[in-house]
């Protein structure tokens, strides 16, 4: 079984990059990557009764990390 995650860049500057992530464009959370520290933080979780945020956040984190 294959699962995919959509990540779209929403914003970027010298310090950070902000992405939307999730199963599709309508259901998404927000994740931020700090370029200086290499830290990844969740700014907004996926809110859905059908999808677990943890599942998609972990895959987005692995993509960036």
C-alpha atoms as a PDB file:
ATOM      1  CA  UNK A   1       0.000   0.000   0.000  1.00  0.00           C
ATOM      2  CA  UNK A   2       1.383   3.379  -0.970  1.00  0.00           C
ATOM      3  CA  UNK A   3       0.689   6.618   0.836  1.00  0.00           C
ATOM      4  CA  UNK A   4       1.659  10.057  -0.357  1.00  0.00           C
ATOM      5  CA  UNK A   5       1.897  13.406   1.357  1.00  0.00           C
ATOM      6  CA  UNK A   6       1.459  16.781  -0.268  1.00  0.00           C
ATOM      7  CA  UNK A   7       3.859  19.513   0.825  1.00  0.00           C
ATOM      8  CA  UNK A   8       3.564  22.997  -0.645  1.00  0.00           C
ATOM      9  CA  UNK A   9       5.891  25.848   0.201  1.00  0.00           C
ATOM     10  CA  UNK A  10       3.908  28.773   1.570  1.00  0.00           C
ATOM     11  CA  UNK A  11       6.696  31.130   2.626  1.00  0.00           C
ATOM     12  CA  UNK A  12      10.478  31.374   2.704  1.00  0.00           C
ATOM     13  CA  UNK A  13      13.011  33.893   3.954  1.00  0.00           C
ATOM     14  CA  UNK A  14      16.636  33.787   5.145  1.00  0.00           C
ATOM     15  CA  UNK A  15      15.705  32.141   8.460  1.00  0.00           C
ATOM     16  CA  UNK A  16      12.835  29.759   7.789  1.00  0.00           C
ATOM     17  CA  UNK A  17      10.616  27.903   5.324  1.00  0.00           C
ATOM     18  CA  UNK A  18       6.926  27.297   5.990  1.00  0.00           C
ATOM     19  CA  UNK A  19       5.081  24.408   4.322  1.00  0.00           C
ATOM     20  CA  UNK A  20       1.516  23.167   4.254  1.00  0.00           C
ATOM     21  CA  UNK A  21       1.368  19.369   4.510  1.00  0.00           C
ATOM     22  CA  UNK A  22      -1.318  16.721   4.439  1.00  0.00           C
ATOM     23  CA  UNK A  23      -3.259  14.184   2.419  1.00  0.00           C
ATOM     24  CA  UNK A  24      -4.620  16.807  -0.019  1.00  0.00           C
ATOM     25  CA  UNK A  25      -4.908  20.551  -0.592  1.00  0.00           C
ATOM     26  CA  UNK A  26      -8.096  20.935   1.465  1.00  0.00           C
ATOM     27  CA  UNK A  27      -6.953  19.061   4.587  1.00  0.00           C
ATOM     28  CA  UNK A  28      -3.596  20.366   5.709  1.00  0.00           C
ATOM     29  CA  UNK A  29      -1.434  21.429   8.608  1.00  0.00           C
ATOM     30  CA  UNK A  30       1.490  23.834   8.731  1.00  0.00           C
ATOM     31  CA  UNK A  31       5.108  22.948   9.476  1.00  0.00           C
ATOM     32  CA  UNK A  32       8.105  25.282   9.788  1.00  0.00           C
ATOM     33  CA  UNK A  33      11.761  24.525   9.111  1.00  0.00           C
ATOM     34  CA  UNK A  34      14.325  26.821  10.756  1.00  0.00           C
ATOM     35  CA  UNK A  35      17.343  27.018   8.450  1.00  0.00           C
ATOM     36  CA  UNK A  36      19.742  28.254  11.140  1.00  0.00           C
ATOM     37  CA  UNK A  37      19.039  25.646  13.802  1.00  0.00           C
ATOM     38  CA  UNK A  38      17.775  22.831  11.569  1.00  0.00           C
ATOM     39  CA  UNK A  39      14.740  22.528  13.858  1.00  0.00           C
ATOM     40  CA  UNK A  40      11.344  21.523  12.522  1.00  0.00           C
ATOM     41  CA  UNK A  41       8.221  22.642  14.353  1.00  0.00           C
ATOM     42  CA  UNK A  42       4.544  22.140  13.819  1.00  0.00           C
ATOM     43  CA  UNK A  43       2.672  25.430  13.608  1.00  0.00           C
ATOM     44  CA  UNK A  44      -0.801  24.026  12.954  1.00  0.00           C
ATOM     45  CA  UNK A  45      -1.946  20.376  13.061  1.00  0.00           C
ATOM     46  CA  UNK A  46      -4.244  18.672  10.574  1.00  0.00           C
ATOM     47  CA  UNK A  47      -7.770  18.779  11.942  1.00  0.00           C
ATOM     48  CA  UNK A  48      -9.822  15.931  10.501  1.00  0.00           C
ATOM     49  CA  UNK A  49     -11.968  13.098  11.758  1.00  0.00           C
ATOM     50  CA  UNK A  50     -10.640  10.874   8.946  1.00  0.00           C
ATOM     51  CA  UNK A  51      -6.876  11.532   9.050  1.00  0.00           C
ATOM     52  CA  UNK A  52      -4.444  11.386  11.957  1.00  0.00           C
ATOM     53  CA  UNK A  53      -2.173  14.419  12.105  1.00  0.00           C
ATOM     54  CA  UNK A  54       0.656  12.398  13.654  1.00  0.00           C
ATOM     55  CA  UNK A  55       0.840  10.122  10.598  1.00  0.00           C
ATOM     56  CA  UNK A  56       1.326  13.013   8.137  1.00  0.00           C
ATOM     57  CA  UNK A  57       3.459  15.151  10.470  1.00  0.00           C
ATOM     58  CA  UNK A  58       5.988  12.328  10.900  1.00  0.00           C
ATOM     59  CA  UNK A  59       6.291  11.881   7.135  1.00  0.00           C
ATOM     60  CA  UNK A  60       6.638  15.628   6.537  1.00  0.00           C
ATOM     61  CA  UNK A  61       9.293  15.769   9.278  1.00  0.00           C
ATOM     62  CA  UNK A  62      11.245  12.896   7.667  1.00  0.00           C
ATOM     63  CA  UNK A  63      11.055  14.649   4.299  1.00  0.00           C
ATOM     64  CA  UNK A  64      12.610  17.805   5.735  1.00  0.00           C
ATOM     65  CA  UNK A  65      14.959  16.137   8.217  1.00  0.00           C
END
